[in-house]
């Protein structure tokens, strides 16, 4: 079954797919690979189908069909584990992911090297912008704001020859000035860290569902039940 009417879509938000080291300042951002794999398989068993954010957008704006129970699996920053741990599981399910890539993470240690990004693109992943250096955009001056927003899109488009249609606010920090810059840079929309379903009409404040290391399958299922009880 496919939907051609506009459908609210859960956008899952992941960071590091690895056990949290004891010294991690934000251990909740680490999801162990075994838990991630179990969550993806739970989604598949319960009829979810992963799509890109662009495909969701086309459904909202043009009525393009999406599968039953569409869901977006997004990853912030560009950690190496997103390639080594998450990519194989999604590939086994024939699902795309969405990588919100901080340009500064295209580095040798701990980050996502360009050849790996190209492998993801070849597997139908979507690449979106997450600034150059991950600052709090509400606290930078206008020149720095434009550099981080427009510059990140330009850099990713130049390096990978993909549209880079969406933006992800670092740490979920944005205000009207930031939104205006994202619009001016040519993005079609932007994702936040606010809990909820992504849906029209405010494409520049799209909600997501943060998945923490403590959630496990039960927590993921509970969050989705809360959001989608009346959505489908």
C-alpha atoms as a PDB file:
ATOM      1  CA  UNK A   1       0.000   0.000   0.000  1.00  0.00           C
ATOM      2  CA  UNK A   2       1.190   3.501  -0.853  1.00  0.00           C
ATOM      3  CA  UNK A   3      -0.042   6.931   0.223  1.00  0.00           C
ATOM      4  CA  UNK A   4      -0.424   9.817  -2.225  1.00  0.00           C
ATOM      5  CA  UNK A   5      -2.034  12.158   0.299  1.00  0.00           C
ATOM      6  CA  UNK A   6       0.341  14.159   2.540  1.00  0.00           C
ATOM      7  CA  UNK A   7       1.515  11.873   5.348  1.00  0.00           C
ATOM      8  CA  UNK A   8       3.179  12.937   8.628  1.00  0.00           C
ATOM      9  CA  UNK A   9       6.509  11.129   8.904  1.00  0.00           C
ATOM     10  CA  UNK A  10       8.623  10.204  11.949  1.00  0.00           C
ATOM     11  CA  UNK A  11      12.233  11.268  11.443  1.00  0.00           C
ATOM     12  CA  UNK A  12      14.477   9.283  13.786  1.00  0.00           C
ATOM     13  CA  UNK A  13      17.614  11.068  15.000  1.00  0.00           C
ATOM     14  CA  UNK A  14      20.771   9.065  15.731  1.00  0.00           C
ATOM     15  CA  UNK A  15      24.327  10.113  16.500  1.00  0.00           C
ATOM     16  CA  UNK A  16      27.017   7.552  17.407  1.00  0.00           C
ATOM     17  CA  UNK A  17      26.303   3.859  16.760  1.00  0.00           C
ATOM     18  CA  UNK A  18      28.661   2.478  19.376  1.00  0.00           C
ATOM     19  CA  UNK A  19      28.734   1.677  23.104  1.00  0.00           C
ATOM     20  CA  UNK A  20      29.309   4.836  25.130  1.00  0.00           C
ATOM     21  CA  UNK A  21      32.824   5.108  26.594  1.00  0.00           C
ATOM     22  CA  UNK A  22      32.980   5.880  30.309  1.00  0.00           C
ATOM     23  CA  UNK A  23      34.332   9.367  29.625  1.00  0.00           C
ATOM     24  CA  UNK A  24      31.682  10.362  27.055  1.00  0.00           C
ATOM     25  CA  UNK A  25      30.261  13.803  27.942  1.00  0.00           C
ATOM     26  CA  UNK A  26      26.915  12.934  26.302  1.00  0.00           C
ATOM     27  CA  UNK A  27      26.475   9.167  26.728  1.00  0.00           C
ATOM     28  CA  UNK A  28      22.830   9.350  25.623  1.00  0.00           C
ATOM     29  CA  UNK A  29      24.031  10.053  22.073  1.00  0.00           C
ATOM     30  CA  UNK A  30      25.594   6.568  21.838  1.00  0.00           C
ATOM     31  CA  UNK A  31      23.401   3.684  20.670  1.00  0.00           C
ATOM     32  CA  UNK A  32      25.122   0.255  20.771  1.00  0.00           C
ATOM     33  CA  UNK A  33      25.177  -1.494  17.377  1.00  0.00           C
ATOM     34  CA  UNK A  34      23.213  -4.468  18.685  1.00  0.00           C
ATOM     35  CA  UNK A  35      20.437  -2.151  19.863  1.00  0.00           C
ATOM     36  CA  UNK A  36      20.424  -0.229  16.583  1.00  0.00           C
ATOM     37  CA  UNK A  37      20.145  -3.458  14.581  1.00  0.00           C
ATOM     38  CA  UNK A  38      17.301  -4.662  16.803  1.00  0.00           C
ATOM     39  CA  UNK A  39      15.470  -1.353  16.367  1.00  0.00           C
ATOM     40  CA  UNK A  40      15.751  -1.469  12.569  1.00  0.00           C
ATOM     41  CA  UNK A  41      14.527  -5.047  12.465  1.00  0.00           C
ATOM     42  CA  UNK A  42      11.627  -4.174  14.763  1.00  0.00           C
ATOM     43  CA  UNK A  43      10.649  -1.364  12.389  1.00  0.00           C
ATOM     44  CA  UNK A  44      10.758  -3.718   9.399  1.00  0.00           C
ATOM     45  CA  UNK A  45       8.683  -6.376  11.183  1.00  0.00           C
ATOM     46  CA  UNK A  46       6.063  -3.763  12.069  1.00  0.00           C
ATOM     47  CA  UNK A  47       5.594  -2.565   8.525  1.00  0.00           C
ATOM     48  CA  UNK A  48       7.753   0.553   8.450  1.00  0.00           C
ATOM     49  CA  UNK A  49       9.621   1.517   5.281  1.00  0.00           C
ATOM     50  CA  UNK A  50      12.551   3.929   5.347  1.00  0.00           C
ATOM     51  CA  UNK A  51      12.510   6.815   2.877  1.00  0.00           C
ATOM     52  CA  UNK A  52      14.576   9.948   2.358  1.00  0.00           C
ATOM     53  CA  UNK A  53      13.488  13.352   3.579  1.00  0.00           C
ATOM     54  CA  UNK A  54      13.247  14.502  -0.050  1.00  0.00           C
ATOM     55  CA  UNK A  55      10.777  11.731  -0.779  1.00  0.00           C
ATOM     56  CA  UNK A  56       8.688  12.832   2.196  1.00  0.00           C
ATOM     57  CA  UNK A  57       8.870  16.429   0.973  1.00  0.00           C
ATOM     58  CA  UNK A  58       7.707  15.407  -2.509  1.00  0.00           C
ATOM     59  CA  UNK A  59       4.746  13.647  -0.924  1.00  0.00           C
ATOM     60  CA  UNK A  60       3.861  16.758   1.083  1.00  0.00           C
ATOM     61  CA  UNK A  61       4.208  19.198  -1.820  1.00  0.00           C
ATOM     62  CA  UNK A  62       3.335  17.173  -4.928  1.00  0.00           C
ATOM     63  CA  UNK A  63       1.363  14.195  -3.682  1.00  0.00           C
ATOM     64  CA  UNK A  64       4.094  11.771  -4.755  1.00  0.00           C
ATOM     65  CA  UNK A  65       3.364   8.330  -3.307  1.00  0.00           C
ATOM     66  CA  UNK A  66       5.201   6.992  -0.274  1.00  0.00           C
ATOM     67  CA  UNK A  67       4.994   3.471   1.157  1.00  0.00           C
ATOM     68  CA  UNK A  68       2.819   2.544   4.084  1.00  0.00           C
ATOM     69  CA  UNK A  69       4.329   3.607   7.397  1.00  0.00           C
ATOM     70  CA  UNK A  70       7.132   5.743   5.968  1.00  0.00           C
ATOM     71  CA  UNK A  71       9.975   6.654   8.300  1.00  0.00           C
ATOM     72  CA  UNK A  72      13.209   8.629   7.880  1.00  0.00           C
ATOM     73  CA  UNK A  73      16.367   7.309   9.570  1.00  0.00           C
ATOM     74  CA  UNK A  74      18.650  10.322  10.061  1.00  0.00           C
ATOM     75  CA  UNK A  75      22.174  10.567  11.434  1.00  0.00           C
ATOM     76  CA  UNK A  76      23.787  13.785  12.638  1.00  0.00           C
ATOM     77  CA  UNK A  77      27.357  15.020  12.215  1.00  0.00           C
ATOM     78  CA  UNK A  78      29.084  12.207  10.279  1.00  0.00           C
ATOM     79  CA  UNK A  79      30.569   9.801  12.815  1.00  0.00           C
ATOM     80  CA  UNK A  80      32.562   6.897  11.414  1.00  0.00           C
ATOM     81  CA  UNK A  81      30.261   4.414  13.167  1.00  0.00           C
ATOM     82  CA  UNK A  82      27.383   5.592  11.010  1.00  0.00           C
ATOM     83  CA  UNK A  83      29.217   4.033   8.085  1.00  0.00           C
ATOM     84  CA  UNK A  84      30.769   1.014   9.781  1.00  0.00           C
ATOM     85  CA  UNK A  85      27.802   0.079  12.012  1.00  0.00           C
ATOM     86  CA  UNK A  86      24.552   1.620  10.718  1.00  0.00           C
ATOM     87  CA  UNK A  87      25.155   1.361   6.985  1.00  0.00           C
ATOM     88  CA  UNK A  88      25.441  -2.459   6.864  1.00  0.00           C
ATOM     89  CA  UNK A  89      22.161  -2.918   8.728  1.00  0.00           C
ATOM     90  CA  UNK A  90      20.258  -0.471   6.532  1.00  0.00           C
ATOM     91  CA  UNK A  91      21.815  -1.973   3.420  1.00  0.00           C
ATOM     92  CA  UNK A  92      20.594  -5.424   4.486  1.00  0.00           C
ATOM     93  CA  UNK A  93      17.074  -3.994   4.664  1.00  0.00           C
ATOM     94  CA  UNK A  94      17.504  -2.138   1.344  1.00  0.00           C
ATOM     95  CA  UNK A  95      16.779   1.108   3.187  1.00  0.00           C
ATOM     96  CA  UNK A  96      18.322   4.537   2.633  1.00  0.00           C
ATOM     97  CA  UNK A  97      19.504   6.751   5.454  1.00  0.00           C
ATOM     98  CA  UNK A  98      19.805  10.516   5.717  1.00  0.00           C
ATOM     99  CA  UNK A  99      23.211  11.869   6.714  1.00  0.00           C
ATOM    100  CA  UNK A 100      23.209  15.393   8.171  1.00  0.00           C
ATOM    101  CA  UNK A 101      26.870  15.990   7.505  1.00  0.00           C
ATOM    102  CA  UNK A 102      29.047  18.512   9.289  1.00  0.00           C
ATOM    103  CA  UNK A 103      31.747  19.394   6.769  1.00  0.00           C
ATOM    104  CA  UNK A 104      34.375  19.394   9.512  1.00  0.00           C
ATOM    105  CA  UNK A 105      33.711  15.663  10.005  1.00  0.00           C
ATOM    106  CA  UNK A 106      35.289  14.820   6.652  1.00  0.00           C
ATOM    107  CA  UNK A 107      38.502  14.028   8.479  1.00  0.00           C
ATOM    108  CA  UNK A 108      40.767  10.997   9.012  1.00  0.00           C
ATOM    109  CA  UNK A 109      40.049  10.222  12.681  1.00  0.00           C
ATOM    110  CA  UNK A 110      36.542   9.461  13.916  1.00  0.00           C
ATOM    111  CA  UNK A 111      34.786  11.069  10.981  1.00  0.00           C
ATOM    112  CA  UNK A 112      33.268  10.204   7.636  1.00  0.00           C
ATOM    113  CA  UNK A 113      35.888  10.260   4.891  1.00  0.00           C
ATOM    114  CA  UNK A 114      34.703  11.396   1.424  1.00  0.00           C
ATOM    115  CA  UNK A 115      34.984   7.943  -0.129  1.00  0.00           C
ATOM    116  CA  UNK A 116      32.648   6.587   2.521  1.00  0.00           C
ATOM    117  CA  UNK A 117      30.116   9.329   1.838  1.00  0.00           C
ATOM    118  CA  UNK A 118      30.219   8.366  -1.833  1.00  0.00           C
ATOM    119  CA  UNK A 119      29.483   4.760  -0.880  1.00  0.00           C
ATOM    120  CA  UNK A 120      26.420   5.945   1.023  1.00  0.00           C
ATOM    121  CA  UNK A 121      25.271   8.042  -1.915  1.00  0.00           C
ATOM    122  CA  UNK A 122      25.633   5.015  -4.194  1.00  0.00           C
ATOM    123  CA  UNK A 123      23.351   3.158  -1.768  1.00  0.00           C
ATOM    124  CA  UNK A 124      20.677   5.888  -2.194  1.00  0.00           C
ATOM    125  CA  UNK A 125      21.412   7.739   1.029  1.00  0.00           C
ATOM    126  CA  UNK A 126      20.522  11.418   1.146  1.00  0.00           C
ATOM    127  CA  UNK A 127      23.214  13.924   2.152  1.00  0.00           C
ATOM    128  CA  UNK A 128      22.061  17.092   3.918  1.00  0.00           C
ATOM    129  CA  UNK A 129      23.959  19.992   5.503  1.00  0.00           C
ATOM    130  CA  UNK A 130      24.769  20.400   9.195  1.00  0.00           C
ATOM    131  CA  UNK A 131      27.058  23.473   8.905  1.00  0.00           C
ATOM    132  CA  UNK A 132      30.829  23.614   8.543  1.00  0.00           C
ATOM    133  CA  UNK A 133      31.817  23.489  12.235  1.00  0.00           C
ATOM    134  CA  UNK A 134      28.610  22.932  14.293  1.00  0.00           C
ATOM    135  CA  UNK A 135      28.335  26.295  16.096  1.00  0.00           C
ATOM    136  CA  UNK A 136      25.298  27.646  17.907  1.00  0.00           C
ATOM    137  CA  UNK A 137      23.928  29.579  14.944  1.00  0.00           C
ATOM    138  CA  UNK A 138      21.861  31.855  17.159  1.00  0.00           C
ATOM    139  CA  UNK A 139      25.062  33.285  18.687  1.00  0.00           C
ATOM    140  CA  UNK A 140      27.220  33.958  15.601  1.00  0.00           C
ATOM    141  CA  UNK A 141      27.323  37.166  13.577  1.00  0.00           C
ATOM    142  CA  UNK A 142      25.677  37.468  10.179  1.00  0.00           C
ATOM    143  CA  UNK A 143      28.844  36.765   8.189  1.00  0.00           C
ATOM    144  CA  UNK A 144      29.598  33.594  10.163  1.00  0.00           C
ATOM    145  CA  UNK A 145      25.959  32.497   9.952  1.00  0.00           C
ATOM    146  CA  UNK A 146      25.982  32.774   6.173  1.00  0.00           C
ATOM    147  CA  UNK A 147      29.316  31.005   5.898  1.00  0.00           C
ATOM    148  CA  UNK A 148      28.112  28.091   8.021  1.00  0.00           C
ATOM    149  CA  UNK A 149      24.754  27.744   6.255  1.00  0.00           C
ATOM    150  CA  UNK A 150      25.446  28.588   2.632  1.00  0.00           C
ATOM    151  CA  UNK A 151      29.073  27.481   2.800  1.00  0.00           C
ATOM    152  CA  UNK A 152      28.209  24.006   4.021  1.00  0.00           C
ATOM    153  CA  UNK A 153      25.709  23.499   1.203  1.00  0.00           C
ATOM    154  CA  UNK A 154      28.164  24.746  -1.393  1.00  0.00           C
ATOM    155  CA  UNK A 155      30.963  22.533  -0.073  1.00  0.00           C
ATOM    156  CA  UNK A 156      28.867  19.368  -0.023  1.00  0.00           C
ATOM    157  CA  UNK A 157      27.390  20.004  -3.453  1.00  0.00           C
ATOM    158  CA  UNK A 158      30.843  20.643  -4.871  1.00  0.00           C
ATOM    159  CA  UNK A 159      32.422  17.568  -3.297  1.00  0.00           C
ATOM    160  CA  UNK A 160      29.627  15.040  -3.837  1.00  0.00           C
ATOM    161  CA  UNK A 161      27.490  16.367  -6.708  1.00  0.00           C
ATOM    162  CA  UNK A 162      24.211  15.876  -4.853  1.00  0.00           C
ATOM    163  CA  UNK A 163      21.391  18.409  -4.280  1.00  0.00           C
ATOM    164  CA  UNK A 164      21.794  18.925  -0.464  1.00  0.00           C
ATOM    165  CA  UNK A 165      18.190  20.112  -0.221  1.00  0.00           C
ATOM    166  CA  UNK A 166      17.779  20.098   3.568  1.00  0.00           C
ATOM    167  CA  UNK A 167      19.534  21.590   6.569  1.00  0.00           C
ATOM    168  CA  UNK A 168      19.840  20.354  10.148  1.00  0.00           C
ATOM    169  CA  UNK A 169      20.202  22.932  12.933  1.00  0.00           C
ATOM    170  CA  UNK A 170      23.228  22.133  15.150  1.00  0.00           C
ATOM    171  CA  UNK A 171      22.013  21.125  18.618  1.00  0.00           C
ATOM    172  CA  UNK A 172      18.544  22.154  17.471  1.00  0.00           C
ATOM    173  CA  UNK A 173      19.418  25.837  17.959  1.00  0.00           C
ATOM    174  CA  UNK A 174      17.661  28.278  15.638  1.00  0.00           C
ATOM    175  CA  UNK A 175      15.685  31.509  15.585  1.00  0.00           C
ATOM    176  CA  UNK A 176      13.985  33.595  12.902  1.00  0.00           C
ATOM    177  CA  UNK A 177      17.313  34.992  11.681  1.00  0.00           C
ATOM    178  CA  UNK A 178      18.749  31.484  11.285  1.00  0.00           C
ATOM    179  CA  UNK A 179      15.642  30.240   9.489  1.00  0.00           C
ATOM    180  CA  UNK A 180      15.834  33.203   7.107  1.00  0.00           C
ATOM    181  CA  UNK A 181      19.460  32.372   6.265  1.00  0.00           C
ATOM    182  CA  UNK A 182      18.579  28.723   5.620  1.00  0.00           C
ATOM    183  CA  UNK A 183      15.772  29.783   3.279  1.00  0.00           C
ATOM    184  CA  UNK A 184      18.029  32.259   1.454  1.00  0.00           C
ATOM    185  CA  UNK A 185      20.678  29.580   0.918  1.00  0.00           C
ATOM    186  CA  UNK A 186      18.183  27.617  -1.165  1.00  0.00           C
ATOM    187  CA  UNK A 187      17.284  24.782   1.184  1.00  0.00           C
ATOM    188  CA  UNK A 188      13.805  23.279   0.892  1.00  0.00           C
ATOM    189  CA  UNK A 189      13.485  22.678   4.639  1.00  0.00           C
ATOM    190  CA  UNK A 190      15.282  22.020   7.901  1.00  0.00           C
ATOM    191  CA  UNK A 191      15.092  19.597  10.803  1.00  0.00           C
ATOM    192  CA  UNK A 192      15.084  20.409  14.496  1.00  0.00           C
ATOM    193  CA  UNK A 193      15.514  18.417  17.699  1.00  0.00           C
ATOM    194  CA  UNK A 194      11.923  19.053  18.781  1.00  0.00           C
ATOM    195  CA  UNK A 195       9.941  15.888  19.477  1.00  0.00           C
ATOM    196  CA  UNK A 196       7.189  15.207  17.006  1.00  0.00           C
ATOM    197  CA  UNK A 197       6.276  14.117  13.503  1.00  0.00           C
ATOM    198  CA  UNK A 198       7.653  15.945  10.485  1.00  0.00           C
ATOM    199  CA  UNK A 199       4.773  17.397   8.517  1.00  0.00           C
ATOM    200  CA  UNK A 200       3.785  20.385   6.389  1.00  0.00           C
ATOM    201  CA  UNK A 201       3.409  23.304   6.205  1.00  0.00           C
ATOM    202  CA  UNK A 202       6.417  24.612   8.180  1.00  0.00           C
ATOM    203  CA  UNK A 203       9.218  22.862   6.328  1.00  0.00           C
ATOM    204  CA  UNK A 204      11.924  24.836   8.151  1.00  0.00           C
ATOM    205  CA  UNK A 205      10.940  23.570  11.596  1.00  0.00           C
ATOM    206  CA  UNK A 206      10.519  19.844  11.007  1.00  0.00           C
ATOM    207  CA  UNK A 207      10.302  17.796  14.194  1.00  0.00           C
ATOM    208  CA  UNK A 208      12.278  14.615  14.816  1.00  0.00           C
ATOM    209  CA  UNK A 209      12.410  11.717  17.285  1.00  0.00           C
ATOM    210  CA  UNK A 210      15.692  11.495  19.188  1.00  0.00           C
ATOM    211  CA  UNK A 211      16.757   7.921  19.901  1.00  0.00           C
ATOM    212  CA  UNK A 212      18.909   7.642  23.026  1.00  0.00           C
ATOM    213  CA  UNK A 213      21.214   4.848  24.074  1.00  0.00           C
ATOM    214  CA  UNK A 214      18.841   3.891  26.854  1.00  0.00           C
ATOM    215  CA  UNK A 215      15.766   3.587  24.631  1.00  0.00           C
ATOM    216  CA  UNK A 216      16.309   0.093  23.248  1.00  0.00           C
ATOM    217  CA  UNK A 217      13.484  -1.379  21.161  1.00  0.00           C
ATOM    218  CA  UNK A 218      10.904  -0.778  23.880  1.00  0.00           C
ATOM    219  CA  UNK A 219      11.677   2.936  24.062  1.00  0.00           C
ATOM    220  CA  UNK A 220      11.648   3.351  20.289  1.00  0.00           C
ATOM    221  CA  UNK A 221       8.303   1.572  20.072  1.00  0.00           C
ATOM    222  CA  UNK A 222       6.834   3.714  22.860  1.00  0.00           C
ATOM    223  CA  UNK A 223       7.923   6.952  21.167  1.00  0.00           C
ATOM    224  CA  UNK A 224       6.439   5.890  17.847  1.00  0.00           C
ATOM    225  CA  UNK A 225       3.183   4.768  19.435  1.00  0.00           C
ATOM    226  CA  UNK A 226       2.854   8.136  21.116  1.00  0.00           C
ATOM    227  CA  UNK A 227       3.360   9.967  17.842  1.00  0.00           C
ATOM    228  CA  UNK A 228       1.559   7.802  15.321  1.00  0.00           C
ATOM    229  CA  UNK A 229      -1.534   6.577  17.172  1.00  0.00           C
ATOM    230  CA  UNK A 230      -3.763   8.788  15.017  1.00  0.00           C
ATOM    231  CA  UNK A 231      -1.444   9.581  12.122  1.00  0.00           C
ATOM    232  CA  UNK A 232      -2.045   6.644   9.775  1.00  0.00           C
END
